Amino acid sequence: MMTLYTAIGTYRLAQNGLPLVTTGGQDCAMDAHELLLWSSLAFRILTYQELRAEFYEKELHILGELDFDHYLNRLIMRRLVASGKDCTGVDALYDLLGHLYIQPVPDSIPVKAVSFLKLFLGRKLPLQKAVSVFHTEKLEPMEKQVMALLRHEMLSTAELIQCTEKGKTRLKDSNDLMDCLYREGDCDCESIVTDCRVSETRFPVLTAIANLYFKQRITFQIL
């Protein structure tokens, strides 16, 4: 049995310097150990063993009395970390991501310009490193299709799989999504997650979603 973990939400600093993760429309504060564990999973997907080893390697600089499992379980209960498990890697990945919603990371020129100024003027990073925020890694065709579907709607992984299976490459609005996926009366979010568990389309879509996450083009959210 394989178990995978990833971070949920987006990180930001409050005006008072307090680190926060925003998810489900709420700001969640974290202590030093929780932040260490959450940041180890940000834009990464790790097994239990990988995450535990990295936590204890970094934790040497932060003294604490509680163990790794305590912090991990607390973040899972707070819905700041997601987990998924199954017998194969792809099924464990679907169990992890199937119910999570995908949110594109803002990458417009103004957003990148603000990030550049923060890195160059605020953190005093060398110019060469700071300008790297303007570099955009090339996307594969399926990755572009996923981003196109997310242009107007935040969708779950299962919804993205179903849209792709039905040949839908773009969505105009929420009504378009309802017509595409929820036209039948007995169809809901949970049934779509269950149906997509055995869909052949899940393979390319899961690969695209994982790659977009590693490229820091999307984050995972809950509603």
N, C-alpha and C. Protein backbone atom coordinates (compact mmCIF):
# COMPACT_ATOMS: atom_id res chain seq x y z
N MET A 1 0.85 -1.20 0.00
CA MET A 1 0.00 0.00 0.00
C MET A 1 0.88 1.25 0.00
N MET A 2 0.61 2.17 -0.92
CA MET A 2 1.37 3.42 -1.02
C MET A 2 0.52 4.58 -0.53
N THR A 3 1.13 5.47 0.27
CA THR A 3 0.44 6.66 0.75
C THR A 3 1.21 7.90 0.29
N LEU A 4 0.47 8.85 -0.29
CA LEU A 4 1.05 10.09 -0.80
C LEU A 4 0.45 11.28 -0.07
N TYR A 5 1.24 12.35 0.02
CA TYR A 5 0.81 13.56 0.72
C TYR A 5 1.15 14.78 -0.12
N THR A 6 0.33 15.82 0.02
CA THR A 6 0.64 17.11 -0.59
C THR A 6 0.01 18.23 0.23
N ALA A 7 0.42 19.47 -0.07
CA ALA A 7 -0.08 20.63 0.66
C ALA A 7 -1.35 21.16 0.01
N ILE A 8 -2.22 21.71 0.84
CA ILE A 8 -3.44 22.36 0.37
C ILE A 8 -3.35 23.84 0.72
N GLY A 9 -3.77 24.70 -0.22
CA GLY A 9 -3.84 26.12 0.06
C GLY A 9 -2.68 26.91 -0.50
N THR A 10 -2.73 28.22 -0.28
CA THR A 10 -1.69 29.13 -0.74
C THR A 10 -1.11 29.88 0.45
N TYR A 11 0.19 30.07 0.39
CA TYR A 11 0.93 30.69 1.50
C TYR A 11 1.02 32.21 1.31
N ARG A 12 0.92 32.93 2.41
CA ARG A 12 1.16 34.37 2.37
C ARG A 12 1.55 34.84 3.77
N LEU A 13 2.16 36.00 3.83
CA LEU A 13 2.50 36.62 5.10
C LEU A 13 1.49 37.71 5.41
N ALA A 14 0.96 37.69 6.63
CA ALA A 14 0.05 38.75 7.06
C ALA A 14 0.85 40.03 7.29
N GLN A 15 0.15 41.14 7.46
CA GLN A 15 0.83 42.43 7.66
C GLN A 15 1.70 42.43 8.90
N ASN A 16 1.33 41.62 9.89
CA ASN A 16 2.12 41.54 11.12
C ASN A 16 3.25 40.52 11.02
N GLY A 17 3.44 39.94 9.82
CA GLY A 17 4.51 38.97 9.63
C GLY A 17 4.14 37.55 9.95
N LEU A 18 2.89 37.31 10.37
CA LEU A 18 2.46 35.96 10.72
C LEU A 18 2.25 35.13 9.45
N PRO A 19 2.86 33.94 9.35
CA PRO A 19 2.66 33.10 8.17
C PRO A 19 1.25 32.49 8.16
N LEU A 20 0.57 32.61 7.02
CA LEU A 20 -0.79 32.10 6.89
C LEU A 20 -0.90 31.23 5.64
N VAL A 21 -1.78 30.26 5.70
CA VAL A 21 -2.17 29.50 4.52
C VAL A 21 -3.66 29.70 4.30
N THR A 22 -4.02 30.12 3.11
CA THR A 22 -5.42 30.38 2.79
C THR A 22 -5.99 29.21 2.02
N THR A 23 -7.07 28.65 2.54
CA THR A 23 -7.76 27.56 1.86
C THR A 23 -9.22 27.55 2.28
N GLY A 24 -10.09 27.22 1.33
CA GLY A 24 -11.52 27.21 1.63
C GLY A 24 -12.04 28.56 2.06
N GLY A 25 -11.38 29.62 1.60
CA GLY A 25 -11.81 30.97 1.96
C GLY A 25 -11.41 31.40 3.35
N GLN A 26 -10.57 30.63 4.05
CA GLN A 26 -10.16 30.95 5.41
C GLN A 26 -8.64 31.05 5.51
N ASP A 27 -8.17 31.95 6.37
CA ASP A 27 -6.74 32.07 6.67
C ASP A 27 -6.43 31.21 7.88
N CYS A 28 -5.42 30.35 7.76
CA CYS A 28 -5.05 29.44 8.84
C CYS A 28 -3.62 29.72 9.27
N ALA A 29 -3.44 30.04 10.56
CA ALA A 29 -2.11 30.26 11.11
C ALA A 29 -1.47 28.92 11.45
N MET A 30 -0.14 28.88 11.41
CA MET A 30 0.59 27.65 11.72
C MET A 30 1.76 27.96 12.64
N ASP A 31 2.10 26.99 13.51
CA ASP A 31 3.31 27.16 14.30
C ASP A 31 4.51 26.75 13.47
N ALA A 32 5.70 26.86 14.04
CA ALA A 32 6.94 26.63 13.28
C ALA A 32 7.01 25.21 12.72
N HIS A 33 6.61 24.21 13.49
CA HIS A 33 6.69 22.82 13.03
C HIS A 33 5.67 22.54 11.94
N GLU A 34 4.47 23.09 12.09
CA GLU A 34 3.44 22.90 11.06
C GLU A 34 3.88 23.56 9.76
N LEU A 35 4.44 24.76 9.86
CA LEU A 35 4.91 25.47 8.66
C LEU A 35 6.05 24.70 7.99
N LEU A 36 6.95 24.14 8.79
CA LEU A 36 8.04 23.34 8.24
C LEU A 36 7.51 22.17 7.44
N LEU A 37 6.53 21.46 8.01
CA LEU A 37 5.98 20.29 7.33
C LEU A 37 5.18 20.69 6.10
N TRP A 38 4.33 21.73 6.24
CA TRP A 38 3.52 22.19 5.10
C TRP A 38 4.41 22.65 3.95
N SER A 39 5.45 23.43 4.25
CA SER A 39 6.31 23.94 3.19
C SER A 39 7.10 22.83 2.52
N SER A 40 7.35 21.72 3.23
CA SER A 40 8.02 20.58 2.61
C SER A 40 7.16 19.95 1.53
N LEU A 41 5.83 20.15 1.63
CA LEU A 41 4.89 19.56 0.67
C LEU A 41 4.41 20.55 -0.38
N ALA A 42 4.72 21.83 -0.21
CA ALA A 42 4.26 22.82 -1.18
C ALA A 42 4.91 22.58 -2.54
N PHE A 43 4.07 22.39 -3.56
CA PHE A 43 4.49 22.09 -4.93
C PHE A 43 5.28 20.78 -5.03
N ARG A 44 4.97 19.87 -4.10
CA ARG A 44 5.60 18.56 -4.10
C ARG A 44 4.57 17.51 -3.68
N ILE A 45 4.81 16.27 -4.06
CA ILE A 45 4.00 15.13 -3.64
C ILE A 45 4.98 14.08 -3.12
N LEU A 46 4.88 13.75 -1.83
CA LEU A 46 5.84 12.87 -1.18
C LEU A 46 5.16 11.68 -0.52
N THR A 47 5.93 10.60 -0.37
CA THR A 47 5.46 9.46 0.41
C THR A 47 5.65 9.77 1.89
N TYR A 48 5.08 8.94 2.74
CA TYR A 48 5.22 9.11 4.19
C TYR A 48 6.70 9.08 4.58
N GLN A 49 7.43 8.12 4.05
CA GLN A 49 8.84 7.97 4.42
C GLN A 49 9.66 9.18 3.98
N GLU A 50 9.41 9.67 2.76
CA GLU A 50 10.14 10.84 2.26
C GLU A 50 9.84 12.07 3.09
N LEU A 51 8.57 12.27 3.42
CA LEU A 51 8.17 13.45 4.19
C LEU A 51 8.72 13.39 5.61
N ARG A 52 8.67 12.23 6.22
CA ARG A 52 9.17 12.07 7.59
C ARG A 52 10.66 12.33 7.66
N ALA A 53 11.42 11.77 6.70
CA ALA A 53 12.87 11.96 6.70
C ALA A 53 13.23 13.43 6.52
N GLU A 54 12.52 14.13 5.62
CA GLU A 54 12.80 15.54 5.39
C GLU A 54 12.43 16.39 6.59
N PHE A 55 11.33 16.04 7.25
CA PHE A 55 10.90 16.78 8.43
C PHE A 55 11.96 16.72 9.52
N TYR A 56 12.45 15.52 9.82
CA TYR A 56 13.41 15.38 10.90
C TYR A 56 14.77 15.97 10.54
N GLU A 57 15.10 15.99 9.25
CA GLU A 57 16.34 16.63 8.84
C GLU A 57 16.29 18.13 9.07
N LYS A 58 15.14 18.76 8.76
CA LYS A 58 14.99 20.20 8.95
C LYS A 58 14.69 20.55 10.40
N GLU A 59 14.06 19.63 11.13
CA GLU A 59 13.60 19.93 12.49
C GLU A 59 14.76 20.07 13.47
N LEU A 60 15.95 19.69 13.06
CA LEU A 60 17.11 19.82 13.93
C LEU A 60 17.31 21.26 14.38
N HIS A 61 16.82 22.20 13.56
CA HIS A 61 16.99 23.62 13.88
C HIS A 61 15.80 24.17 14.68
N ILE A 62 14.77 23.36 14.89
CA ILE A 62 13.58 23.81 15.63
C ILE A 62 13.26 22.77 16.70
N LEU A 63 13.58 23.07 17.91
CA LEU A 63 13.37 22.12 18.99
C LEU A 63 11.88 21.97 19.29
N GLY A 64 11.44 20.74 19.47
CA GLY A 64 10.04 20.48 19.79
C GLY A 64 9.89 19.16 20.52
N GLU A 65 8.82 19.05 21.33
CA GLU A 65 8.62 17.85 22.12
C GLU A 65 7.71 16.84 21.43
N LEU A 66 6.93 17.28 20.43
CA LEU A 66 5.98 16.40 19.78
C LEU A 66 6.60 15.77 18.54
N ASP A 67 6.08 14.58 18.14
CA ASP A 67 6.71 13.88 17.02
C ASP A 67 6.05 14.23 15.69
N PHE A 68 6.65 13.71 14.63
CA PHE A 68 6.22 13.98 13.26
C PHE A 68 4.75 13.65 13.04
N ASP A 69 4.30 12.48 13.50
CA ASP A 69 2.92 12.05 13.26
C ASP A 69 1.91 13.01 13.89
N HIS A 70 2.26 13.59 15.00
CA HIS A 70 1.35 14.54 15.65
C HIS A 70 1.10 15.73 14.74
N TYR A 71 2.19 16.32 14.20
CA TYR A 71 2.03 17.49 13.34
C TYR A 71 1.35 17.13 12.03
N LEU A 72 1.70 15.97 11.47
CA LEU A 72 1.08 15.55 10.21
C LEU A 72 -0.42 15.35 10.39
N ASN A 73 -0.81 14.63 11.43
CA ASN A 73 -2.24 14.38 11.67
C ASN A 73 -3.00 15.66 11.96
N ARG A 74 -2.34 16.60 12.63
CA ARG A 74 -3.00 17.87 12.93
C ARG A 74 -3.26 18.67 11.65
N LEU A 75 -2.28 18.66 10.74
CA LEU A 75 -2.48 19.38 9.48
C LEU A 75 -3.53 18.70 8.60
N ILE A 76 -3.60 17.38 8.65
CA ILE A 76 -4.64 16.67 7.90
C ILE A 76 -6.02 17.00 8.46
N MET A 77 -6.14 17.01 9.79
CA MET A 77 -7.42 17.35 10.42
C MET A 77 -7.83 18.78 10.11
N ARG A 78 -6.86 19.68 9.98
CA ARG A 78 -7.15 21.08 9.66
C ARG A 78 -7.35 21.28 8.16
N ARG A 79 -7.20 20.21 7.39
CA ARG A 79 -7.37 20.22 5.93
C ARG A 79 -6.36 21.16 5.26
N LEU A 80 -5.14 21.16 5.80
CA LEU A 80 -4.04 21.89 5.19
C LEU A 80 -3.08 20.93 4.48
N VAL A 81 -3.23 19.65 4.73
CA VAL A 81 -2.49 18.60 4.04
C VAL A 81 -3.48 17.53 3.62
N ALA A 82 -3.31 17.02 2.40
CA ALA A 82 -4.17 15.94 1.89
C ALA A 82 -3.34 14.67 1.77
N SER A 83 -4.02 13.53 1.92
CA SER A 83 -3.35 12.25 1.76
C SER A 83 -4.19 11.34 0.87
N GLY A 84 -3.52 10.41 0.21
CA GLY A 84 -4.22 9.43 -0.61
C GLY A 84 -3.42 8.14 -0.61
N LYS A 85 -4.13 7.01 -0.59
CA LYS A 85 -3.41 5.74 -0.58
C LYS A 85 -4.11 4.70 -1.42
N ASP A 86 -3.31 3.82 -1.99
CA ASP A 86 -3.83 2.70 -2.77
C ASP A 86 -2.65 1.77 -3.07
N CYS A 87 -2.96 0.70 -3.80
CA CYS A 87 -1.93 -0.32 -4.05
C CYS A 87 -0.93 0.08 -5.13
N THR A 88 -1.33 0.94 -6.06
CA THR A 88 -0.43 1.38 -7.13
C THR A 88 -0.24 2.89 -7.06
N GLY A 89 0.84 3.37 -7.69
CA GLY A 89 1.14 4.79 -7.65
C GLY A 89 0.06 5.65 -8.26
N VAL A 90 -0.45 5.26 -9.44
CA VAL A 90 -1.46 6.09 -10.10
C VAL A 90 -2.76 6.11 -9.31
N ASP A 91 -3.14 4.98 -8.71
CA ASP A 91 -4.37 4.95 -7.93
C ASP A 91 -4.21 5.75 -6.63
N ALA A 92 -3.03 5.69 -6.03
CA ALA A 92 -2.77 6.50 -4.84
C ALA A 92 -2.81 7.99 -5.19
N LEU A 93 -2.27 8.32 -6.38
CA LEU A 93 -2.28 9.72 -6.83
C LEU A 93 -3.71 10.19 -7.06
N TYR A 94 -4.56 9.34 -7.64
CA TYR A 94 -5.95 9.74 -7.84
C TYR A 94 -6.67 9.88 -6.51
N ASP A 95 -6.40 8.95 -5.57
CA ASP A 95 -7.03 9.04 -4.25
C ASP A 95 -6.63 10.33 -3.55
N LEU A 96 -5.41 10.80 -3.83
CA LEU A 96 -4.92 12.05 -3.25
C LEU A 96 -5.58 13.27 -3.88
N LEU A 97 -5.67 13.27 -5.22
CA LEU A 97 -6.05 14.49 -5.94
C LEU A 97 -7.49 14.52 -6.43
N GLY A 98 -8.15 13.37 -6.51
CA GLY A 98 -9.45 13.29 -7.16
C GLY A 98 -10.47 14.29 -6.66
N HIS A 99 -10.50 14.51 -5.35
CA HIS A 99 -11.52 15.39 -4.75
C HIS A 99 -11.02 16.82 -4.55
N LEU A 100 -9.72 17.08 -4.79
CA LEU A 100 -9.18 18.42 -4.59
C LEU A 100 -9.49 19.32 -5.77
N TYR A 101 -9.64 20.61 -5.50
CA TYR A 101 -9.90 21.59 -6.55
C TYR A 101 -8.59 22.24 -6.97
N ILE A 102 -8.53 22.62 -8.25
CA ILE A 102 -7.32 23.16 -8.83
C ILE A 102 -7.48 24.65 -9.05
N GLN A 103 -6.52 25.43 -8.56
CA GLN A 103 -6.54 26.88 -8.72
C GLN A 103 -5.26 27.34 -9.42
N PRO A 104 -5.38 27.99 -10.57
CA PRO A 104 -4.17 28.49 -11.25
C PRO A 104 -3.45 29.53 -10.41
N VAL A 105 -2.14 29.52 -10.46
CA VAL A 105 -1.33 30.55 -9.80
C VAL A 105 -1.27 31.77 -10.71
N PRO A 106 -1.60 32.96 -10.21
CA PRO A 106 -1.55 34.16 -11.06
C PRO A 106 -0.17 34.33 -11.68
N ASP A 107 -0.13 34.53 -13.01
CA ASP A 107 1.18 34.67 -13.67
C ASP A 107 1.19 35.83 -14.66
N SER A 108 0.34 36.82 -14.40
CA SER A 108 0.32 37.98 -15.29
C SER A 108 1.58 38.81 -15.09
N ILE A 109 1.86 39.70 -16.04
CA ILE A 109 3.04 40.55 -15.96
C ILE A 109 3.03 41.42 -14.69
N PRO A 110 1.91 42.07 -14.32
CA PRO A 110 1.92 42.86 -13.08
C PRO A 110 2.24 42.02 -11.84
N VAL A 111 1.69 40.80 -11.76
CA VAL A 111 1.96 39.93 -10.62
C VAL A 111 3.43 39.57 -10.57
N LYS A 112 4.00 39.22 -11.74
CA LYS A 112 5.41 38.87 -11.79
C LYS A 112 6.29 40.07 -11.45
N ALA A 113 5.86 41.26 -11.88
CA ALA A 113 6.65 42.46 -11.58
C ALA A 113 6.70 42.72 -10.08
N VAL A 114 5.58 42.55 -9.40
CA VAL A 114 5.54 42.72 -7.94
C VAL A 114 6.44 41.70 -7.27
N SER A 115 6.39 40.45 -7.75
CA SER A 115 7.25 39.39 -7.18
C SER A 115 8.73 39.73 -7.38
N PHE A 116 9.05 40.25 -8.56
CA PHE A 116 10.43 40.64 -8.86
C PHE A 116 10.91 41.71 -7.88
N LEU A 117 10.08 42.74 -7.66
CA LEU A 117 10.47 43.83 -6.77
C LEU A 117 10.65 43.33 -5.34
N LYS A 118 9.79 42.40 -4.91
CA LYS A 118 9.91 41.86 -3.56
C LYS A 118 11.22 41.10 -3.41
N LEU A 119 11.57 40.31 -4.42
CA LEU A 119 12.79 39.51 -4.36
C LEU A 119 14.05 40.39 -4.47
N PHE A 120 14.02 41.34 -5.40
CA PHE A 120 15.22 42.14 -5.67
C PHE A 120 15.43 43.23 -4.62
N LEU A 121 14.35 43.95 -4.28
CA LEU A 121 14.49 45.07 -3.34
C LEU A 121 14.26 44.64 -1.89
N GLY A 122 13.27 43.74 -1.71
CA GLY A 122 12.94 43.33 -0.35
C GLY A 122 13.91 42.30 0.21
N ARG A 123 14.12 41.23 -0.53
CA ARG A 123 15.00 40.15 -0.03
C ARG A 123 16.45 40.28 -0.51
N LYS A 124 16.72 41.31 -1.34
CA LYS A 124 18.09 41.59 -1.80
C LYS A 124 18.69 40.42 -2.59
N LEU A 125 17.85 39.69 -3.35
CA LEU A 125 18.37 38.62 -4.18
C LEU A 125 19.13 39.21 -5.36
N PRO A 126 20.16 38.50 -5.85
CA PRO A 126 20.87 38.99 -7.05
C PRO A 126 19.90 39.17 -8.20
N LEU A 127 20.22 40.13 -9.07
CA LEU A 127 19.33 40.46 -10.19
C LEU A 127 19.03 39.23 -11.05
N GLN A 128 20.04 38.41 -11.31
CA GLN A 128 19.86 37.24 -12.18
C GLN A 128 18.83 36.27 -11.60
N LYS A 129 18.85 36.10 -10.28
CA LYS A 129 17.89 35.21 -9.64
C LYS A 129 16.50 35.85 -9.59
N ALA A 130 16.45 37.13 -9.34
CA ALA A 130 15.16 37.81 -9.22
C ALA A 130 14.40 37.81 -10.54
N VAL A 131 15.12 38.01 -11.67
CA VAL A 131 14.43 38.06 -12.96
C VAL A 131 13.92 36.69 -13.39
N SER A 132 14.30 35.64 -12.67
CA SER A 132 13.82 34.30 -13.03
C SER A 132 12.31 34.17 -12.89
N VAL A 133 11.68 35.09 -12.14
CA VAL A 133 10.22 35.02 -11.97
C VAL A 133 9.52 35.28 -13.30
N PHE A 134 10.21 35.92 -14.26
CA PHE A 134 9.60 36.20 -15.56
C PHE A 134 9.71 35.00 -16.51
N HIS A 135 10.49 34.00 -16.11
CA HIS A 135 10.64 32.81 -16.96
C HIS A 135 9.41 31.91 -16.80
N THR A 136 8.82 31.52 -17.91
CA THR A 136 7.67 30.62 -17.91
C THR A 136 8.04 29.33 -18.62
N GLU A 137 7.96 28.22 -17.88
CA GLU A 137 8.31 26.94 -18.46
C GLU A 137 7.26 26.51 -19.48
N LYS A 138 7.70 25.97 -20.59
CA LYS A 138 6.81 25.56 -21.66
C LYS A 138 5.89 24.43 -21.19
N LEU A 139 4.62 24.50 -21.59
CA LEU A 139 3.64 23.50 -21.19
C LEU A 139 3.40 22.50 -22.31
N GLU A 140 3.13 21.26 -21.89
CA GLU A 140 2.76 20.21 -22.83
C GLU A 140 1.29 20.40 -23.25
N PRO A 141 0.86 19.78 -24.38
CA PRO A 141 -0.52 19.96 -24.86
C PRO A 141 -1.60 19.69 -23.80
N MET A 142 -1.48 18.58 -23.06
CA MET A 142 -2.50 18.28 -22.05
C MET A 142 -2.45 19.28 -20.90
N GLU A 143 -1.27 19.77 -20.57
CA GLU A 143 -1.15 20.78 -19.53
C GLU A 143 -1.84 22.07 -19.97
N LYS A 144 -1.67 22.45 -21.24
CA LYS A 144 -2.35 23.63 -21.77
C LYS A 144 -3.87 23.45 -21.74
N GLN A 145 -4.34 22.24 -22.05
CA GLN A 145 -5.77 21.99 -22.04
C GLN A 145 -6.35 22.11 -20.63
N VAL A 146 -5.62 21.59 -19.65
CA VAL A 146 -6.07 21.71 -18.26
C VAL A 146 -6.15 23.18 -17.86
N MET A 147 -5.14 23.97 -18.21
CA MET A 147 -5.15 25.39 -17.87
C MET A 147 -6.28 26.12 -18.58
N ALA A 148 -6.59 25.71 -19.81
CA ALA A 148 -7.70 26.33 -20.55
C ALA A 148 -9.03 26.04 -19.86
N LEU A 149 -9.21 24.82 -19.38
CA LEU A 149 -10.45 24.46 -18.67
C LEU A 149 -10.59 25.24 -17.37
N LEU A 150 -9.46 25.62 -16.77
CA LEU A 150 -9.48 26.33 -15.49
C LEU A 150 -9.56 27.84 -15.65
N ARG A 151 -9.65 28.30 -16.88
CA ARG A 151 -9.58 29.75 -17.13
C ARG A 151 -10.70 30.51 -16.42
N HIS A 152 -11.91 29.94 -16.40
CA HIS A 152 -13.05 30.65 -15.80
C HIS A 152 -13.64 29.95 -14.60
N GLU A 153 -13.26 28.71 -14.36
CA GLU A 153 -13.84 27.94 -13.27
C GLU A 153 -12.76 27.17 -12.51
N MET A 154 -12.85 27.14 -11.18
CA MET A 154 -11.99 26.28 -10.39
C MET A 154 -12.65 24.89 -10.35
N LEU A 155 -11.96 23.89 -10.90
CA LEU A 155 -12.52 22.55 -11.04
C LEU A 155 -11.77 21.55 -10.18
N SER A 156 -12.46 20.48 -9.80
CA SER A 156 -11.78 19.39 -9.12
C SER A 156 -11.04 18.54 -10.14
N THR A 157 -10.11 17.73 -9.66
CA THR A 157 -9.39 16.82 -10.55
C THR A 157 -10.37 15.90 -11.27
N ALA A 158 -11.36 15.38 -10.54
CA ALA A 158 -12.35 14.49 -11.15
C ALA A 158 -13.14 15.20 -12.23
N GLU A 159 -13.51 16.46 -11.99
CA GLU A 159 -14.25 17.23 -13.00
C GLU A 159 -13.38 17.45 -14.25
N LEU A 160 -12.09 17.71 -14.05
CA LEU A 160 -11.19 17.88 -15.19
C LEU A 160 -11.10 16.60 -16.01
N ILE A 161 -11.06 15.46 -15.34
CA ILE A 161 -11.01 14.18 -16.04
C ILE A 161 -12.28 13.96 -16.84
N GLN A 162 -13.43 14.26 -16.24
CA GLN A 162 -14.71 14.06 -16.94
C GLN A 162 -14.86 15.01 -18.12
N CYS A 163 -14.45 16.26 -17.95
CA CYS A 163 -14.52 17.22 -19.06
C CYS A 163 -13.66 16.73 -20.23
N THR A 164 -12.46 16.26 -19.92
CA THR A 164 -11.56 15.75 -20.96
C THR A 164 -12.16 14.52 -21.63
N GLU A 165 -12.75 13.64 -20.84
CA GLU A 165 -13.37 12.42 -21.38
C GLU A 165 -14.52 12.75 -22.33
N LYS A 166 -15.22 13.84 -22.03
CA LYS A 166 -16.36 14.25 -22.87
C LYS A 166 -15.93 15.15 -24.03
N GLY A 167 -14.62 15.36 -24.19
CA GLY A 167 -14.13 16.16 -25.29
C GLY A 167 -14.23 17.66 -25.08
N LYS A 168 -14.48 18.07 -23.85
CA LYS A 168 -14.61 19.50 -23.54
C LYS A 168 -13.22 20.10 -23.34
N THR A 169 -12.88 21.12 -24.10
CA THR A 169 -11.56 21.74 -23.98
C THR A 169 -11.60 23.11 -23.32
N ARG A 170 -12.78 23.72 -23.28
CA ARG A 170 -12.95 25.03 -22.63
C ARG A 170 -14.32 25.10 -21.98
N LEU A 171 -14.42 25.91 -20.93
CA LEU A 171 -15.70 26.14 -20.25
C LEU A 171 -15.97 27.64 -20.23
N LYS A 172 -17.17 28.03 -20.63
CA LYS A 172 -17.51 29.45 -20.66
C LYS A 172 -17.79 29.98 -19.25
N ASP A 173 -18.53 29.19 -18.46
CA ASP A 173 -18.93 29.63 -17.12
C ASP A 173 -19.44 28.42 -16.35
N SER A 174 -20.00 28.68 -15.15
CA SER A 174 -20.51 27.59 -14.31
C SER A 174 -21.69 26.87 -14.95
N ASN A 175 -22.50 27.60 -15.73
CA ASN A 175 -23.63 26.96 -16.41
C ASN A 175 -23.14 25.95 -17.46
N ASP A 176 -22.06 26.30 -18.14
CA ASP A 176 -21.46 25.40 -19.11
C ASP A 176 -20.96 24.12 -18.42
N LEU A 177 -20.38 24.29 -17.22
CA LEU A 177 -19.92 23.14 -16.44
C LEU A 177 -21.09 22.26 -16.03
N MET A 178 -22.17 22.87 -15.57
CA MET A 178 -23.35 22.11 -15.15
C MET A 178 -23.94 21.33 -16.32
N ASP A 179 -24.01 21.95 -17.48
CA ASP A 179 -24.55 21.26 -18.66
C ASP A 179 -23.66 20.10 -19.08
N CYS A 180 -22.36 20.27 -18.91
CA CYS A 180 -21.42 19.24 -19.35
C CYS A 180 -21.40 18.03 -18.42
N LEU A 181 -21.43 18.28 -17.09
CA LEU A 181 -21.20 17.20 -16.15
C LEU A 181 -22.40 16.83 -15.28
N TYR A 182 -23.27 17.79 -15.01
CA TYR A 182 -24.30 17.55 -14.00
C TYR A 182 -25.70 17.60 -14.57
N ARG A 183 -25.84 17.30 -15.84
CA ARG A 183 -27.15 17.35 -16.49
C ARG A 183 -28.07 16.26 -15.93
N GLU A 184 -27.49 15.08 -15.67
CA GLU A 184 -28.29 13.97 -15.14
C GLU A 184 -28.56 14.20 -13.66
N GLY A 185 -29.78 13.91 -13.24
CA GLY A 185 -30.22 14.22 -11.89
C GLY A 185 -29.46 13.50 -10.80
N ASP A 186 -28.96 12.28 -11.05
CA ASP A 186 -28.29 11.51 -10.01
C ASP A 186 -26.78 11.73 -10.00
N CYS A 187 -26.30 12.71 -10.76
CA CYS A 187 -24.87 12.97 -10.86
C CYS A 187 -24.50 14.10 -9.89
N ASP A 188 -23.51 13.86 -9.03
CA ASP A 188 -23.03 14.89 -8.13
C ASP A 188 -21.51 14.78 -8.01
N CYS A 189 -20.93 15.63 -7.16
CA CYS A 189 -19.47 15.67 -7.04
C CYS A 189 -18.89 14.33 -6.61
N GLU A 190 -19.54 13.68 -5.65
CA GLU A 190 -19.03 12.41 -5.13
C GLU A 190 -19.12 11.30 -6.17
N SER A 191 -20.21 11.26 -6.93
CA SER A 191 -20.35 10.22 -7.94
C SER A 191 -19.33 10.39 -9.06
N ILE A 192 -19.00 11.64 -9.38
CA ILE A 192 -17.98 11.89 -10.40
C ILE A 192 -16.61 11.41 -9.92
N VAL A 193 -16.29 11.67 -8.65
CA VAL A 193 -15.02 11.19 -8.09
C VAL A 193 -14.95 9.68 -8.16
N THR A 194 -16.06 9.01 -7.85
CA THR A 194 -16.09 7.54 -7.89
C THR A 194 -15.96 7.03 -9.32
N ASP A 195 -16.69 7.63 -10.26
CA ASP A 195 -16.67 7.18 -11.65
C ASP A 195 -15.28 7.34 -12.28
N CYS A 196 -14.60 8.43 -11.96
CA CYS A 196 -13.31 8.71 -12.59
C CYS A 196 -12.18 7.84 -12.04
N ARG A 197 -12.45 7.13 -10.97
CA ARG A 197 -11.42 6.27 -10.38
C ARG A 197 -10.97 5.18 -11.35
N VAL A 198 -11.86 4.77 -12.27
CA VAL A 198 -11.52 3.71 -13.22
C VAL A 198 -11.48 4.22 -14.66
N SER A 199 -11.52 5.54 -14.84
CA SER A 199 -11.50 6.11 -16.19
C SER A 199 -10.09 6.04 -16.77
N GLU A 200 -9.99 5.63 -18.02
CA GLU A 200 -8.69 5.59 -18.69
C GLU A 200 -8.14 7.01 -18.89
N THR A 201 -9.03 7.98 -18.95
CA THR A 201 -8.61 9.37 -19.16
C THR A 201 -7.86 9.91 -17.95
N ARG A 202 -7.98 9.24 -16.82
CA ARG A 202 -7.32 9.75 -15.61
C ARG A 202 -5.80 9.77 -15.75
N PHE A 203 -5.23 8.88 -16.55
CA PHE A 203 -3.78 8.80 -16.67
C PHE A 203 -3.17 10.08 -17.22
N PRO A 204 -3.56 10.56 -18.41
CA PRO A 204 -2.95 11.79 -18.94
C PRO A 204 -3.31 13.03 -18.14
N VAL A 205 -4.54 13.07 -17.60
CA VAL A 205 -4.95 14.26 -16.85
C VAL A 205 -4.20 14.34 -15.52
N LEU A 206 -4.06 13.23 -14.82
CA LEU A 206 -3.31 13.21 -13.56
C LEU A 206 -1.85 13.61 -13.80
N THR A 207 -1.28 13.11 -14.89
CA THR A 207 0.09 13.47 -15.23
C THR A 207 0.23 14.97 -15.47
N ALA A 208 -0.72 15.53 -16.21
CA ALA A 208 -0.69 16.96 -16.49
C ALA A 208 -0.85 17.78 -15.22
N ILE A 209 -1.77 17.39 -14.35
CA ILE A 209 -2.00 18.12 -13.10
C ILE A 209 -0.76 18.07 -12.22
N ALA A 210 -0.17 16.89 -12.08
CA ALA A 210 1.04 16.75 -11.26
C ALA A 210 2.17 17.61 -11.81
N ASN A 211 2.35 17.60 -13.13
CA ASN A 211 3.41 18.39 -13.74
C ASN A 211 3.18 19.89 -13.55
N LEU A 212 1.93 20.34 -13.70
CA LEU A 212 1.61 21.75 -13.48
C LEU A 212 1.88 22.15 -12.03
N TYR A 213 1.63 21.25 -11.11
CA TYR A 213 1.88 21.52 -9.70
C TYR A 213 3.39 21.64 -9.44
N PHE A 214 4.15 20.71 -10.01
CA PHE A 214 5.60 20.76 -9.83
C PHE A 214 6.19 22.01 -10.48
N LYS A 215 5.57 22.49 -11.56
CA LYS A 215 6.02 23.72 -12.22
C LYS A 215 5.50 24.98 -11.53
N GLN A 216 4.76 24.79 -10.43
CA GLN A 216 4.21 25.88 -9.63
C GLN A 216 3.24 26.75 -10.41
N ARG A 217 2.47 26.11 -11.29
CA ARG A 217 1.45 26.82 -12.07
C ARG A 217 0.07 26.69 -11.43
N ILE A 218 -0.12 25.76 -10.50
CA ILE A 218 -1.40 25.57 -9.84
C ILE A 218 -1.18 25.28 -8.36
N THR A 219 -2.25 25.47 -7.57
CA THR A 219 -2.27 25.00 -6.19
C THR A 219 -3.53 24.16 -5.99
N PHE A 220 -3.53 23.38 -4.92
CA PHE A 220 -4.69 22.55 -4.60
C PHE A 220 -5.50 23.26 -3.51
N GLN A 221 -6.83 23.20 -3.66
CA GLN A 221 -7.73 23.89 -2.75
C GLN A 221 -8.88 22.97 -2.34
N ILE A 222 -9.58 23.37 -1.29
CA ILE A 222 -10.83 22.73 -0.89
C ILE A 222 -11.92 23.79 -0.92
N LEU A 223 -13.16 23.36 -1.02
CA LEU A 223 -14.28 24.31 -1.00
C LEU A 223 -14.97 24.28 0.37
